[in-house]
């Protein structure tokens, strides 16, 4: 019985060995990229040793891009403030011209007329006081 069992086990193992066949390795075409990464120009060790530098360069790139966005936003803000300053300057000049117009004599007279105050048509008279002599005369 033992021989029979051993032969069955050996036959099962032989069948398993027959079933499992190794697939042939795929041949990699010999192009620029395969030569670059496998022929010693760039190897896995070199790539992993250069990884900190690549990350540093990527960080500098992100900082550069962020700085450019910030600069463009600042330029847009400066343009908006410049426009607002010009507009406020125009408002100031308009208000100053209006005030100068409203403070003219005719405009003041028109506004005072509504309050009942009128401009006199007669020229002003000069009041003179005669001094008396010291003797009482």
Protein backbone atom coordinates (compact mmCIF):
# COMPACT_ATOMS: atom_id res chain seq x y z
CA UNK A 1 0.00 0.00 0.00
CA UNK A 2 2.74 2.37 0.70
CA UNK A 3 4.28 1.91 -2.70
CA UNK A 4 0.98 2.55 -4.35
CA UNK A 5 0.42 5.72 -2.34
CA UNK A 6 3.91 6.95 -3.09
CA UNK A 7 3.48 6.43 -6.77
CA UNK A 8 0.16 8.29 -6.76
CA UNK A 9 1.72 11.22 -4.90
CA UNK A 10 4.65 11.28 -7.30
CA UNK A 11 2.28 11.20 -10.28
CA UNK A 12 0.24 14.12 -8.84
CA UNK A 13 3.40 16.15 -8.35
CA UNK A 14 4.52 15.36 -11.88
CA UNK A 15 1.15 16.54 -13.21
CA UNK A 16 1.43 19.78 -11.23
CA UNK A 17 4.91 20.32 -12.63
CA UNK A 18 3.58 19.78 -16.12
CA UNK A 19 0.69 22.17 -15.62
CA UNK A 20 2.86 24.97 -14.32
CA UNK A 21 4.92 26.11 -17.22
CA UNK A 22 6.97 29.21 -17.13
CA UNK A 23 6.01 31.84 -19.61
CA UNK A 24 8.84 33.10 -21.72
CA UNK A 25 10.04 36.58 -20.76
CA UNK A 26 8.81 39.31 -23.01
CA UNK A 27 11.50 40.81 -25.07
CA UNK A 28 11.78 44.54 -24.57
CA UNK A 29 12.34 46.48 -27.72
CA UNK A 30 15.62 48.32 -27.87
CA UNK A 31 14.53 51.94 -28.14
CA UNK A 32 15.74 55.21 -26.65
CA UNK A 33 13.83 54.94 -23.35
CA UNK A 34 14.87 51.37 -22.60
CA UNK A 35 18.48 52.27 -23.26
CA UNK A 36 18.12 55.37 -21.10
CA UNK A 37 16.72 53.52 -18.08
CA UNK A 38 18.44 50.12 -18.31
CA UNK A 39 21.82 50.54 -19.96
CA UNK A 40 23.39 52.47 -17.11
CA UNK A 41 22.62 56.10 -18.03
CA UNK A 42 19.77 56.23 -15.54
CA UNK A 43 19.34 53.33 -13.19
CA UNK A 44 16.92 52.77 -10.35
CA UNK A 45 19.59 53.63 -7.80
CA UNK A 46 20.45 56.88 -9.53
CA UNK A 47 16.78 57.81 -9.86
CA UNK A 48 16.07 57.21 -6.17
CA UNK A 49 19.18 59.09 -5.12
CA UNK A 50 18.10 62.06 -7.27
CA UNK A 51 14.55 62.05 -5.86
CA UNK A 52 15.22 64.65 -3.09
CA UNK A 53 16.67 67.04 -5.67
CA UNK A 54 13.68 66.52 -7.96
CA UNK A 55 11.31 67.21 -5.07
CA UNK A 56 13.30 70.36 -4.20
CA UNK A 57 13.09 71.60 -7.79
CA UNK A 58 9.34 70.84 -7.83
CA UNK A 59 8.89 72.83 -4.59
CA UNK A 60 10.80 75.77 -6.07
CA UNK A 61 8.61 75.58 -9.17
CA UNK A 62 5.43 75.70 -7.06
CA UNK A 63 6.78 78.66 -5.08
CA UNK A 64 7.66 80.44 -8.34
CA UNK A 65 4.16 79.86 -9.74
CA UNK A 66 2.56 81.07 -6.49
CA UNK A 67 4.74 84.17 -6.50
CA UNK A 68 3.70 84.97 -10.08
CA UNK A 69 0.01 84.64 -9.16
CA UNK A 70 0.52 86.91 -6.16
CA UNK A 71 2.34 89.50 -8.29
CA UNK A 72 -0.42 89.50 -10.92
CA UNK A 73 -3.08 89.90 -8.21
CA UNK A 74 -1.14 92.81 -6.72
CA UNK A 75 -0.90 94.47 -10.15
CA UNK A 76 -4.67 94.10 -10.63
CA UNK A 77 -5.28 95.60 -7.18
CA UNK A 78 -2.97 98.53 -7.99
CA UNK A 79 -4.86 99.15 -11.25
CA UNK A 80 -8.21 99.11 -9.41
CA UNK A 81 -6.94 101.51 -6.74
CA UNK A 82 -5.49 103.82 -9.42
CA UNK A 83 -8.89 103.95 -11.14
CA UNK A 84 -10.58 104.67 -7.81
CA UNK A 85 -8.11 107.48 -7.03
CA UNK A 86 -8.78 109.05 -10.44
CA UNK A 87 -12.53 108.81 -9.86
CA UNK A 88 -12.20 110.38 -6.41
CA UNK A 89 -10.05 113.16 -7.93
CA UNK A 90 -12.79 113.85 -10.47
CA UNK A 91 -15.39 113.93 -7.67
CA UNK A 92 -13.22 116.37 -5.72
CA UNK A 93 -12.78 118.67 -8.72
CA UNK A 94 -16.52 118.56 -9.46
CA UNK A 95 -17.40 119.37 -5.83
CA UNK A 96 -14.84 122.20 -5.75
CA UNK A 97 -16.21 123.72 -8.97
CA UNK A 98 -19.77 123.43 -7.63
CA UNK A 99 -18.79 125.12 -4.38
CA UNK A 100 -17.02 127.92 -6.26
CA UNK A 101 -20.13 128.42 -8.40
CA UNK A 102 -22.50 128.40 -5.39
CA UNK A 103 -20.37 130.91 -3.53
CA UNK A 104 -20.63 133.58 -6.25
CA UNK A 105 -22.52 136.73 -5.36
CA UNK A 106 -25.51 136.04 -7.60
CA UNK A 107 -25.96 132.46 -6.39
CA UNK A 108 -25.72 133.53 -2.74
CA UNK A 109 -28.27 136.26 -3.44
CA UNK A 110 -30.67 133.74 -5.02
CA UNK A 111 -30.39 131.40 -2.07
CA UNK A 112 -30.73 134.21 0.47
CA UNK A 113 -33.82 135.54 -1.35
CA UNK A 114 -35.70 132.37 -0.41
CA UNK A 115 -34.99 133.20 3.26
CA UNK A 116 -36.32 136.69 2.85
CA UNK A 117 -32.96 138.46 2.79
CA UNK A 118 -32.54 140.72 -0.21
CA UNK A 119 -29.55 142.38 -1.73
CA UNK A 120 -29.57 146.14 -1.38
CA UNK A 121 -29.76 148.12 -4.57
CA UNK A 122 -28.35 151.31 -3.03
CA UNK A 123 -24.66 151.65 -2.48
CA UNK A 124 -23.54 151.60 1.12
CA UNK A 125 -23.29 154.90 2.95
CA UNK A 126 -20.31 156.00 4.93
CA UNK A 127 -21.02 156.99 8.51
CA UNK A 128 -18.82 159.71 9.89
CA UNK A 129 -18.69 160.88 13.45
CA UNK A 130 -17.68 164.46 14.12
CA UNK A 131 -15.40 164.90 17.01
CA UNK A 132 -16.27 167.60 19.47
CA UNK A 133 -13.73 170.08 20.66
CA UNK A 134 -12.16 169.48 24.01
CA UNK A 135 -13.54 172.72 25.34
CA UNK A 136 -17.02 171.38 25.29
CA UNK A 137 -18.12 173.29 22.23
